[in-house]
Amino acid sequence: MLENDKKAYELEKKAFATLTQALNKDIYHQFSYCKTTKALWDALVARGEGNAASRKSRHDLLKKELGE
């Protein structure tokens, strides 16, 4: 394994470990299919943003609260 590949692998492991340790144990199992940091991050972003309907609902509620 080349030195750069080894460093990239170690960084990937550390980043993945950091993200998984930050997850609550109650929801970690919902992301167990993610095998890379990128896949886990994308899944977390999608979960946080929700689907299009929930984003629109939050947007509409915020507009209503702000009186627009």
PDB file of N, CA and C in Angstrom:
ATOM      1  N   MET A   1       0.851  -1.176   0.000  1.00  0.00           N
ATOM      2  CA  MET A   1       0.000   0.000   0.000  1.00  0.00           C
ATOM      3  C   MET A   1       0.894   1.236   0.000  1.00  0.00           C
ATOM      4  N   LEU A   2       0.600   2.190  -0.845  1.00  0.00           N
ATOM      5  CA  LEU A   2       1.374   3.415  -0.891  1.00  0.00           C
ATOM      6  C   LEU A   2       1.145   4.240   0.367  1.00  0.00           C
ATOM      7  N   GLU A   3       2.110   5.080   0.672  1.00  0.00           N
ATOM      8  CA  GLU A   3       2.027   5.896   1.881  1.00  0.00           C
ATOM      9  C   GLU A   3       0.796   6.811   1.863  1.00  0.00           C
ATOM     10  N   ASN A   4       0.495   7.421   0.712  1.00  0.00           N
ATOM     11  CA  ASN A   4      -0.680   8.289   0.614  1.00  0.00           C
ATOM     12  C   ASN A   4      -1.972   7.503   0.797  1.00  0.00           C
ATOM     13  N   ASP A   5      -2.018   6.289   0.255  1.00  0.00           N
ATOM     14  CA  ASP A   5      -3.197   5.444   0.432  1.00  0.00           C
ATOM     15  C   ASP A   5      -3.383   5.078   1.897  1.00  0.00           C
ATOM     16  N   LYS A   6      -2.289   4.806   2.558  1.00  0.00           N
ATOM     17  CA  LYS A   6      -2.347   4.450   3.974  1.00  0.00           C
ATOM     18  C   LYS A   6      -2.859   5.626   4.805  1.00  0.00           C
ATOM     19  N   LYS A   7      -2.369   6.835   4.493  1.00  0.00           N
ATOM     20  CA  LYS A   7      -2.829   8.026   5.216  1.00  0.00           C
ATOM     21  C   LYS A   7      -4.309   8.289   4.958  1.00  0.00           C
ATOM     22  N   ALA A   8      -4.732   8.135   3.705  1.00  0.00           N
ATOM     23  CA  ALA A   8      -6.145   8.344   3.362  1.00  0.00           C
ATOM     24  C   ALA A   8      -7.024   7.334   4.086  1.00  0.00           C
ATOM     25  N   TYR A   9      -6.577   6.092   4.157  1.00  0.00           N
ATOM     26  CA  TYR A   9      -7.330   5.047   4.849  1.00  0.00           C
ATOM     27  C   TYR A   9      -7.452   5.376   6.347  1.00  0.00           C
ATOM     28  N   GLU A  10      -6.371   5.823   6.947  1.00  0.00           N
ATOM     29  CA  GLU A  10      -6.392   6.164   8.374  1.00  0.00           C
ATOM     30  C   GLU A  10      -7.314   7.362   8.637  1.00  0.00           C
ATOM     31  N   LEU A  11      -7.277   8.365   7.762  1.00  0.00           N
ATOM     32  CA  LEU A  11      -8.173   9.509   7.915  1.00  0.00           C
ATOM     33  C   LEU A  11      -9.628   9.098   7.774  1.00  0.00           C
ATOM     34  N   GLU A  12      -9.915   8.221   6.827  1.00  0.00           N
ATOM     35  CA  GLU A  12     -11.274   7.713   6.633  1.00  0.00           C
ATOM     36  C   GLU A  12     -11.759   6.991   7.888  1.00  0.00           C
ATOM     37  N   LYS A  13     -10.897   6.148   8.446  1.00  0.00           N
ATOM     38  CA  LYS A  13     -11.259   5.410   9.660  1.00  0.00           C
ATOM     39  C   LYS A  13     -11.554   6.365  10.816  1.00  0.00           C
ATOM     40  N   LYS A  14     -10.716   7.375  10.978  1.00  0.00           N
ATOM     41  CA  LYS A  14     -10.910   8.330  12.076  1.00  0.00           C
ATOM     42  C   LYS A  14     -12.198   9.133  11.888  1.00  0.00           C
ATOM     43  N   ALA A  15     -12.445   9.587  10.681  1.00  0.00           N
ATOM     44  CA  ALA A  15     -13.660  10.366  10.408  1.00  0.00           C
ATOM     45  C   ALA A  15     -14.907   9.522  10.626  1.00  0.00           C
ATOM     46  N   PHE A  16     -14.878   8.285  10.142  1.00  0.00           N
ATOM     47  CA  PHE A  16     -16.027   7.391  10.314  1.00  0.00           C
ATOM     48  C   PHE A  16     -16.263   7.116  11.792  1.00  0.00           C
ATOM     49  N   ALA A  17     -15.189   6.871  12.527  1.00  0.00           N
ATOM     50  CA  ALA A  17     -15.312   6.606  13.961  1.00  0.00           C
ATOM     51  C   ALA A  17     -15.880   7.811  14.694  1.00  0.00           C
ATOM     52  N   THR A  18     -15.439   8.997  14.327  1.00  0.00           N
ATOM     53  CA  THR A  18     -15.934  10.211  14.968  1.00  0.00           C
ATOM     54  C   THR A  18     -17.433  10.378  14.744  1.00  0.00           C
ATOM     55  N   LEU A  19     -17.863  10.184  13.498  1.00  0.00           N
ATOM     56  CA  LEU A  19     -19.299  10.314  13.205  1.00  0.00           C
ATOM     57  C   LEU A  19     -20.124   9.257  13.927  1.00  0.00           C
ATOM     58  N   THR A  20     -19.673   8.025  13.898  1.00  0.00           N
ATOM     59  CA  THR A  20     -20.465   6.964  14.525  1.00  0.00           C
ATOM     60  C   THR A  20     -20.513   7.125  16.040  1.00  0.00           C
ATOM     61  N   GLN A  21     -19.440   7.616  16.643  1.00  0.00           N
ATOM     62  CA  GLN A  21     -19.437   7.835  18.090  1.00  0.00           C
ATOM     63  C   GLN A  21     -20.361   8.976  18.487  1.00  0.00           C
ATOM     64  N   ALA A  22     -20.577   9.916  17.573  1.00  0.00           N
ATOM     65  CA  ALA A  22     -21.450  11.050  17.870  1.00  0.00           C
ATOM     66  C   ALA A  22     -22.925  10.678  17.788  1.00  0.00           C
ATOM     67  N   LEU A  23     -23.227   9.557  17.152  1.00  0.00           N
ATOM     68  CA  LEU A  23     -24.624   9.140  17.013  1.00  0.00           C
ATOM     69  C   LEU A  23     -25.135   8.521  18.305  1.00  0.00           C
ATOM     70  N   ASN A  24     -26.371   8.816  18.618  1.00  0.00           N
ATOM     71  CA  ASN A  24     -27.029   8.190  19.747  1.00  0.00           C
ATOM     72  C   ASN A  24     -27.177   6.695  19.461  1.00  0.00           C
ATOM     73  N   LYS A  25     -26.973   5.871  20.453  1.00  0.00           N
ATOM     74  CA  LYS A  25     -27.058   4.419  20.261  1.00  0.00           C
ATOM     75  C   LYS A  25     -28.450   3.978  19.816  1.00  0.00           C
ATOM     76  N   ASP A  26     -29.460   4.778  20.136  1.00  0.00           N
ATOM     77  CA  ASP A  26     -30.828   4.430  19.756  1.00  0.00           C
ATOM     78  C   ASP A  26     -31.070   4.540  18.253  1.00  0.00           C
ATOM     79  N   ILE A  27     -30.284   5.367  17.563  1.00  0.00           N
ATOM     80  CA  ILE A  27     -30.504   5.518  16.126  1.00  0.00           C
ATOM     81  C   ILE A  27     -29.361   4.966  15.280  1.00  0.00           C
ATOM     82  N   TYR A  28     -28.261   4.585  15.907  1.00  0.00           N
ATOM     83  CA  TYR A  28     -27.097   4.111  15.151  1.00  0.00           C
ATOM     84  C   TYR A  28     -27.456   2.959  14.219  1.00  0.00           C
ATOM     85  N   HIS A  29     -28.300   2.062  14.662  1.00  0.00           N
ATOM     86  CA  HIS A  29     -28.646   0.898  13.845  1.00  0.00           C
ATOM     87  C   HIS A  29     -29.313   1.293  12.528  1.00  0.00           C
ATOM     88  N   GLN A  30     -29.918   2.480  12.479  1.00  0.00           N
ATOM     89  CA  GLN A  30     -30.564   2.937  11.258  1.00  0.00           C
ATOM     90  C   GLN A  30     -29.562   3.316  10.177  1.00  0.00           C
ATOM     91  N   PHE A  31     -28.314   3.455  10.546  1.00  0.00           N
ATOM     92  CA  PHE A  31     -27.275   3.846   9.602  1.00  0.00           C
ATOM     93  C   PHE A  31     -26.196   2.775   9.451  1.00  0.00           C
ATOM     94  N   SER A  32     -26.451   1.598   9.935  1.00  0.00           N
ATOM     95  CA  SER A  32     -25.433   0.541   9.898  1.00  0.00           C
ATOM     96  C   SER A  32     -25.082   0.097   8.483  1.00  0.00           C
ATOM     97  N   TYR A  33     -25.930   0.408   7.513  1.00  0.00           N
ATOM     98  CA  TYR A  33     -25.642   0.048   6.125  1.00  0.00           C
ATOM     99  C   TYR A  33     -24.569   0.945   5.519  1.00  0.00           C
ATOM    100  N   CYS A  34     -24.284   2.076   6.124  1.00  0.00           N
ATOM    101  CA  CYS A  34     -23.281   3.010   5.604  1.00  0.00           C
ATOM    102  C   CYS A  34     -21.888   2.472   5.911  1.00  0.00           C
ATOM    103  N   LYS A  35     -21.101   2.320   4.878  1.00  0.00           N
ATOM    104  CA  LYS A  35     -19.763   1.745   5.046  1.00  0.00           C
ATOM    105  C   LYS A  35     -18.649   2.771   4.896  1.00  0.00           C
ATOM    106  N   THR A  36     -18.974   3.978   4.434  1.00  0.00           N
ATOM    107  CA  THR A  36     -17.965   5.025   4.301  1.00  0.00           C
ATOM    108  C   THR A  36     -18.446   6.281   5.013  1.00  0.00           C
ATOM    109  N   THR A  37     -17.512   7.158   5.291  1.00  0.00           N
ATOM    110  CA  THR A  37     -17.845   8.410   5.940  1.00  0.00           C
ATOM    111  C   THR A  37     -18.787   9.227   5.061  1.00  0.00           C
ATOM    112  N   LYS A  38     -18.525   9.264   3.776  1.00  0.00           N
ATOM    113  CA  LYS A  38     -19.360  10.019   2.832  1.00  0.00           C
ATOM    114  C   LYS A  38     -20.793   9.495   2.835  1.00  0.00           C
ATOM    115  N   ALA A  39     -20.944   8.180   2.783  1.00  0.00           N
ATOM    116  CA  ALA A  39     -22.281   7.584   2.780  1.00  0.00           C
ATOM    117  C   ALA A  39     -23.013   7.897   4.089  1.00  0.00           C
ATOM    118  N   LEU A  40     -22.302   7.813   5.197  1.00  0.00           N
ATOM    119  CA  LEU A  40     -22.908   8.108   6.497  1.00  0.00           C
ATOM    120  C   LEU A  40     -23.294   9.582   6.577  1.00  0.00           C
ATOM    121  N   TRP A  41     -22.407  10.457   6.153  1.00  0.00           N
ATOM    122  CA  TRP A  41     -22.699  11.893   6.182  1.00  0.00           C
ATOM    123  C   TRP A  41     -23.915  12.220   5.330  1.00  0.00           C
ATOM    124  N   ASP A  42     -23.962  11.671   4.107  1.00  0.00           N
ATOM    125  CA  ASP A  42     -25.101  11.930   3.224  1.00  0.00           C
ATOM    126  C   ASP A  42     -26.406  11.431   3.827  1.00  0.00           C
ATOM    127  N   ALA A  43     -26.365  10.282   4.483  1.00  0.00           N
ATOM    128  CA  ALA A  43     -27.567   9.734   5.120  1.00  0.00           C
ATOM    129  C   ALA A  43     -28.010  10.613   6.289  1.00  0.00           C
ATOM    130  N   LEU A  44     -27.051  11.126   7.050  1.00  0.00           N
ATOM    131  CA  LEU A  44     -27.384  12.007   8.163  1.00  0.00           C
ATOM    132  C   LEU A  44     -27.967  13.332   7.670  1.00  0.00           C
ATOM    133  N   VAL A  45     -27.409  13.867   6.603  1.00  0.00           N
ATOM    134  CA  VAL A  45     -27.934  15.109   6.024  1.00  0.00           C
ATOM    135  C   VAL A  45     -29.360  14.887   5.539  1.00  0.00           C
ATOM    136  N   ALA A  46     -29.578  13.793   4.837  1.00  0.00           N
ATOM    137  CA  ALA A  46     -30.922  13.499   4.330  1.00  0.00           C
ATOM    138  C   ALA A  46     -31.913  13.347   5.476  1.00  0.00           C
ATOM    139  N   ARG A  47     -31.489  12.690   6.524  1.00  0.00           N
ATOM    140  CA  ARG A  47     -32.393  12.516   7.676  1.00  0.00           C
ATOM    141  C   ARG A  47     -32.676  13.860   8.334  1.00  0.00           C
ATOM    142  N   GLY A  48     -31.692  14.703   8.448  1.00  0.00           N
ATOM    143  CA  GLY A  48     -31.872  16.005   9.084  1.00  0.00           C
ATOM    144  C   GLY A  48     -32.747  16.939   8.273  1.00  0.00           C
ATOM    145  N   GLU A  49     -32.630  16.872   6.961  1.00  0.00           N
ATOM    146  CA  GLU A  49     -33.422  17.751   6.112  1.00  0.00           C
ATOM    147  C   GLU A  49     -34.819  17.209   5.880  1.00  0.00           C
ATOM    148  N   GLY A  50     -34.978  15.917   5.913  1.00  0.00           N
ATOM    149  CA  GLY A  50     -36.271  15.314   5.647  1.00  0.00           C
ATOM    150  C   GLY A  50     -36.565  15.275   4.163  1.00  0.00           C
ATOM    151  N   ASN A  51     -37.759  14.857   3.826  1.00  0.00           N
ATOM    152  CA  ASN A  51     -38.127  14.800   2.407  1.00  0.00           C
ATOM    153  C   ASN A  51     -38.661  16.159   1.964  1.00  0.00           C
ATOM    154  N   ALA A  52     -39.007  16.266   0.703  1.00  0.00           N
ATOM    155  CA  ALA A  52     -39.454  17.550   0.142  1.00  0.00           C
ATOM    156  C   ALA A  52     -40.696  18.076   0.849  1.00  0.00           C
ATOM    157  N   ALA A  53     -41.615  17.201   1.189  1.00  0.00           N
ATOM    158  CA  ALA A  53     -42.846  17.632   1.853  1.00  0.00           C
ATOM    159  C   ALA A  53     -42.565  18.210   3.241  1.00  0.00           C
ATOM    160  N   SER A  54     -41.691  17.576   3.996  1.00  0.00           N
ATOM    161  CA  SER A  54     -41.390  18.089   5.337  1.00  0.00           C
ATOM    162  C   SER A  54     -40.598  19.392   5.254  1.00  0.00           C
ATOM    163  N   ARG A  55     -39.714  19.531   4.257  1.00  0.00           N
ATOM    164  CA  ARG A  55     -38.987  20.793   4.081  1.00  0.00           C
ATOM    165  C   ARG A  55     -39.961  21.920   3.745  1.00  0.00           C
ATOM    166  N   LYS A  56     -40.926  21.646   2.856  1.00  0.00           N
ATOM    167  CA  LYS A  56     -41.911  22.656   2.486  1.00  0.00           C
ATOM    168  C   LYS A  56     -42.771  23.026   3.694  1.00  0.00           C
ATOM    169  N   SER A  57     -43.137  22.044   4.476  1.00  0.00           N
ATOM    170  CA  SER A  57     -43.945  22.292   5.660  1.00  0.00           C
ATOM    171  C   SER A  57     -43.204  23.188   6.646  1.00  0.00           C
ATOM    172  N   ARG A  58     -41.926  22.896   6.891  1.00  0.00           N
ATOM    173  CA  ARG A  58     -41.131  23.723   7.798  1.00  0.00           C
ATOM    174  C   ARG A  58     -40.974  25.135   7.238  1.00  0.00           C
ATOM    175  N   HIS A  59     -40.769  25.231   5.940  1.00  0.00           N
ATOM    176  CA  HIS A  59     -40.629  26.530   5.283  1.00  0.00           C
ATOM    177  C   HIS A  59     -41.913  27.345   5.423  1.00  0.00           C
ATOM    178  N   ASP A  60     -43.047  26.718   5.164  1.00  0.00           N
ATOM    179  CA  ASP A  60     -44.335  27.397   5.275  1.00  0.00           C
ATOM    180  C   ASP A  60     -44.606  27.843   6.711  1.00  0.00           C
ATOM    181  N   LEU A  61     -44.280  26.994   7.674  1.00  0.00           N
ATOM    182  CA  LEU A  61     -44.475  27.333   9.076  1.00  0.00           C
ATOM    183  C   LEU A  61     -43.603  28.516   9.470  1.00  0.00           C
ATOM    184  N   LEU A  62     -42.363  28.511   9.013  1.00  0.00           N
ATOM    185  CA  LEU A  62     -41.457  29.609   9.324  1.00  0.00           C
ATOM    186  C   LEU A  62     -41.967  30.916   8.711  1.00  0.00           C
ATOM    187  N   LYS A  63     -42.444  30.857   7.470  1.00  0.00           N
ATOM    188  CA  LYS A  63     -42.992  32.056   6.844  1.00  0.00           C
ATOM    189  C   LYS A  63     -44.197  32.573   7.614  1.00  0.00           C
ATOM    190  N   LYS A  64     -45.032  31.662   8.090  1.00  0.00           N
ATOM    191  CA  LYS A  64     -46.227  32.049   8.855  1.00  0.00           C
ATOM    192  C   LYS A  64     -45.818  32.709  10.173  1.00  0.00           C
ATOM    193  N   GLU A  65     -44.821  32.118  10.830  1.00  0.00           N
ATOM    194  CA  GLU A  65     -44.347  32.677  12.111  1.00  0.00           C
ATOM    195  C   GLU A  65     -43.733  34.050  11.933  1.00  0.00           C
ATOM    196  N   LEU A  66     -43.094  34.284  10.811  1.00  0.00           N
ATOM    197  CA  LEU A  66     -42.440  35.570  10.572  1.00  0.00           C
ATOM    198  C   LEU A  66     -43.392  36.593   9.961  1.00  0.00           C
ATOM    199  N   GLY A  67     -44.607  36.157   9.642  1.00  0.00           N
ATOM    200  CA  GLY A  67     -45.620  37.061   9.142  1.00  0.00           C
ATOM    201  C   GLY A  67     -45.439  37.459   7.685  1.00  0.00           C
ATOM    202  N   GLU A  68     -44.831  36.598   6.924  1.00  0.00           N
ATOM    203  CA  GLU A  68     -44.641  36.906   5.488  1.00  0.00           C
ATOM    204  C   GLU A  68     -45.748  36.358   4.659  1.00  0.00           C
TER     205      GLU A  68
END
